[in-house]
C-alpha atoms as a PDB file:
ATOM      1  CA  MET A   1     -11.269   2.405   3.376  1.00  0.00           C
ATOM      2  CA  LYS A   2     -14.172   1.566   1.067  1.00  0.00           C
ATOM      3  CA  GLN A   3     -14.782   5.238   0.229  1.00  0.00           C
ATOM      4  CA  LEU A   4     -11.066   5.779  -0.447  1.00  0.00           C
ATOM      5  CA  MET A   5     -10.986   2.883  -2.894  1.00  0.00           C
ATOM      6  CA  ILE A   6     -14.022   4.271  -4.734  1.00  0.00           C
ATOM      7  CA  GLU A   7     -12.130   7.539  -5.231  1.00  0.00           C
ATOM      8  CA  ALA A   8      -8.776   5.869  -5.982  1.00  0.00           C
ATOM      9  CA  GLU A   9      -6.775   5.704  -9.152  1.00  0.00           C
ATOM     10  CA  ILE A  10      -6.210   1.960  -9.666  1.00  0.00           C
ATOM     11  CA  TYR A  11      -3.226   0.194 -11.235  1.00  0.00           C
ATOM     12  CA  ALA A  12      -3.414  -3.582 -11.629  1.00  0.00           C
ATOM     13  CA  VAL A  13      -1.309  -6.602 -12.531  1.00  0.00           C
ATOM     14  CA  TYR A  14      -2.958  -9.243 -14.691  1.00  0.00           C
ATOM     15  CA  GLU A  15      -2.169 -12.913 -15.167  1.00  0.00           C
ATOM     16  CA  GLU A  16      -3.959 -14.655 -18.027  1.00  0.00           C
ATOM     17  CA  GLU A  17      -6.293 -11.659 -18.367  1.00  0.00           C
ATOM     18  CA  GLN A  18      -7.326 -11.855 -14.698  1.00  0.00           C
ATOM     19  CA  PRO A  19      -6.423  -9.175 -12.150  1.00  0.00           C
ATOM     20  CA  VAL A  20      -4.220 -10.686  -9.441  1.00  0.00           C
ATOM     21  CA  ALA A  21      -2.927  -7.542  -7.733  1.00  0.00           C
ATOM     22  CA  PHE A  22      -3.721  -3.853  -7.586  1.00  0.00           C
ATOM     23  CA  ILE A  23      -2.775  -0.600  -5.903  1.00  0.00           C
ATOM     24  CA  GLY A  24      -5.207   2.194  -5.145  1.00  0.00           C
ATOM     25  CA  LEU A  25      -3.876   5.763  -4.999  1.00  0.00           C
ATOM     26  CA  VAL A  26      -5.718   8.857  -3.836  1.00  0.00           C
ATOM     27  CA  GLY A  27      -3.206  11.473  -4.838  1.00  0.00           C
ATOM     28  CA  ASN A  28       0.030  10.428  -3.170  1.00  0.00           C
ATOM     29  CA  TYR A  29      -1.802   8.407  -0.490  1.00  0.00           C
ATOM     30  CA  ILE A  30      -1.722   4.631  -0.928  1.00  0.00           C
ATOM     31  CA  ALA A  31      -5.265   3.549  -0.105  1.00  0.00           C
ATOM     32  CA  GLY A  32      -4.191  -0.076  -0.404  1.00  0.00           C
ATOM     33  CA  ILE A  33      -2.156  -2.730  -2.148  1.00  0.00           C
ATOM     34  CA  PHE A  34      -3.996  -6.014  -2.545  1.00  0.00           C
ATOM     35  CA  ILE A  35      -2.563  -9.234  -3.925  1.00  0.00           C
ATOM     36  CA  LEU A  36      -4.391 -12.544  -4.239  1.00  0.00           C
ATOM     37  CA  LYS A  37      -2.887 -15.101  -1.866  1.00  0.00           C
ATOM     38  CA  ASP A  38      -1.583 -17.413  -4.607  1.00  0.00           C
ATOM     39  CA  TYR A  39       0.272 -14.479  -6.204  1.00  0.00           C
ATOM     40  CA  GLN A  40       1.946 -13.056  -3.101  1.00  0.00           C
ATOM     41  CA  LYS A  41       5.738 -13.075  -2.781  1.00  0.00           C
ATOM     42  CA  LYS A  42       6.175 -12.822  -6.562  1.00  0.00           C
ATOM     43  CA  GLY A  43       7.243  -9.170  -6.690  1.00  0.00           C
ATOM     44  CA  TYR A  44       3.846  -7.737  -7.642  1.00  0.00           C
ATOM     45  CA  GLY A  45       3.668  -5.479  -4.598  1.00  0.00           C
ATOM     46  CA  LYS A  46       7.083  -4.031  -5.386  1.00  0.00           C
ATOM     47  CA  LYS A  47       6.104  -3.601  -9.046  1.00  0.00           C
ATOM     48  CA  LEU A  48       2.930  -1.720  -8.116  1.00  0.00           C
ATOM     49  CA  LEU A  49       4.788   0.416  -5.608  1.00  0.00           C
ATOM     50  CA  LYS A  50       7.313   1.390  -8.292  1.00  0.00           C
ATOM     51  CA  VAL A  51       4.455   2.741 -10.420  1.00  0.00           C
ATOM     52  CA  ALA A  52       3.420   4.997  -7.532  1.00  0.00           C
ATOM     53  CA  GLN A  53       7.031   5.994  -6.815  1.00  0.00           C
ATOM     54  CA  GLN A  54       7.529   7.048 -10.436  1.00  0.00           C
ATOM     55  CA  LYS A  55       4.403   9.179 -10.279  1.00  0.00           C
ATOM     56  CA  TYR A  56       5.056  10.874  -6.903  1.00  0.00           C
ATOM     57  CA  SER A  57       8.156  12.038  -5.035  1.00  0.00           C
ATOM     58  CA  GLU A  58       6.466  11.329  -1.689  1.00  0.00           C
ATOM     59  CA  LEU A  59       3.982   8.618  -0.697  1.00  0.00           C
ATOM     60  CA  HIS A  60       1.925   8.175   2.475  1.00  0.00           C
ATOM     61  CA  LEU A  61      -0.048   5.260   3.841  1.00  0.00           C
ATOM     62  CA  SER A  62      -1.613   3.924   7.006  1.00  0.00           C
ATOM     63  CA  VAL A  63      -1.115   0.344   8.136  1.00  0.00           C
ATOM     64  CA  TYR A  64      -2.119  -1.538  11.265  1.00  0.00           C
ATOM     65  CA  GLU A  65       0.697  -2.433  13.638  1.00  0.00           C
ATOM     66  CA  LYS A  66      -0.640  -6.006  13.818  1.00  0.00           C
ATOM     67  CA  ASN A  67      -0.167  -6.413  10.038  1.00  0.00           C
ATOM     68  CA  GLN A  68       3.527  -7.138  10.516  1.00  0.00           C
ATOM     69  CA  ASN A  69       3.990  -8.534   6.994  1.00  0.00           C
ATOM     70  CA  ALA A  70       2.804  -5.237   5.497  1.00  0.00           C
ATOM     71  CA  VAL A  71       4.849  -3.167   7.960  1.00  0.00           C
ATOM     72  CA  ALA A  72       7.975  -5.194   7.102  1.00  0.00           C
ATOM     73  CA  PHE A  73       7.273  -4.873   3.354  1.00  0.00           C
ATOM     74  CA  TYR A  74       6.942  -1.101   3.513  1.00  0.00           C
ATOM     75  CA  LYS A  75      10.019  -0.732   5.729  1.00  0.00           C
ATOM     76  CA  TYR A  76      11.982  -2.818   3.213  1.00  0.00           C
ATOM     77  CA  GLN A  77      10.762  -0.409   0.525  1.00  0.00           C
ATOM     78  CA  ASN A  78      12.243   2.508   2.527  1.00  0.00           C
ATOM     79  CA  PHE A  79       9.048   3.785   4.148  1.00  0.00           C
ATOM     80  CA  ILE A  80       9.466   5.113   7.662  1.00  0.00           C
ATOM     81  CA  ILE A  81       6.949   5.330  10.484  1.00  0.00           C
ATOM     82  CA  ILE A  82       6.262   8.978  11.237  1.00  0.00           C
ATOM     83  CA  GLU A  83       3.284   8.588  13.547  1.00  0.00           C
ATOM     84  CA  GLN A  84       1.571   5.954  15.677  1.00  0.00           C
ATOM     85  CA  LYS A  85      -2.053   6.423  16.706  1.00  0.00           C
ATOM     86  CA  MET A  86      -5.130   4.553  17.845  1.00  0.00           C
ATOM     87  CA  ASP A  87      -7.907   4.267  15.286  1.00  0.00           C
ATOM     88  CA  GLU A  88     -11.640   4.361  16.014  1.00  0.00           C
ATOM     89  CA  ASN A  89     -11.594   0.592  16.729  1.00  0.00           C
ATOM     90  CA  ASN A  90      -8.801   0.967  19.294  1.00  0.00           C
ATOM     91  CA  GLU A  91      -6.234  -0.580  16.943  1.00  0.00           C
ATOM     92  CA  VAL A  92      -2.676   0.770  16.710  1.00  0.00           C
ATOM     93  CA  GLU A  93      -2.109   2.269  13.286  1.00  0.00           C
ATOM     94  CA  TYR A  94       1.132   3.569  11.758  1.00  0.00           C
ATOM     95  CA  LEU A  95       1.341   6.483   9.374  1.00  0.00           C
ATOM     96  CA  MET A  96       4.271   5.747   7.069  1.00  0.00           C
ATOM     97  CA  VAL A  97       5.975   7.909   4.464  1.00  0.00           C
ATOM     98  CA  TRP A  98       8.407   7.381   1.603  1.00  0.00           C
ATOM     99  CA  THR A  99      10.342  10.157  -0.145  1.00  0.00           C
ATOM    100  CA  LYS A 100      12.647  10.080  -3.171  1.00  0.00           C
END
């Protein structure tokens, strides 16, 4: 994850000149969407996702099954689970995809 974020194209949302949310894209792969706790549930994730959806006609991401909030968010944004696998730490991970 750390290496992906180093290579990622970053888009951020600022409040009072401070970054409060960002998305990292490596091509059409979403390396991560991160939102400070106090700024969650304010539409920033959806806003950042729209930037990526305008840029690409297909998006991919990986998310842990146990991160049910993220899984629900992506499903609500019309991502579908196309694969389930175990990662190197024996955690269930979903590969999700969105297409226009």
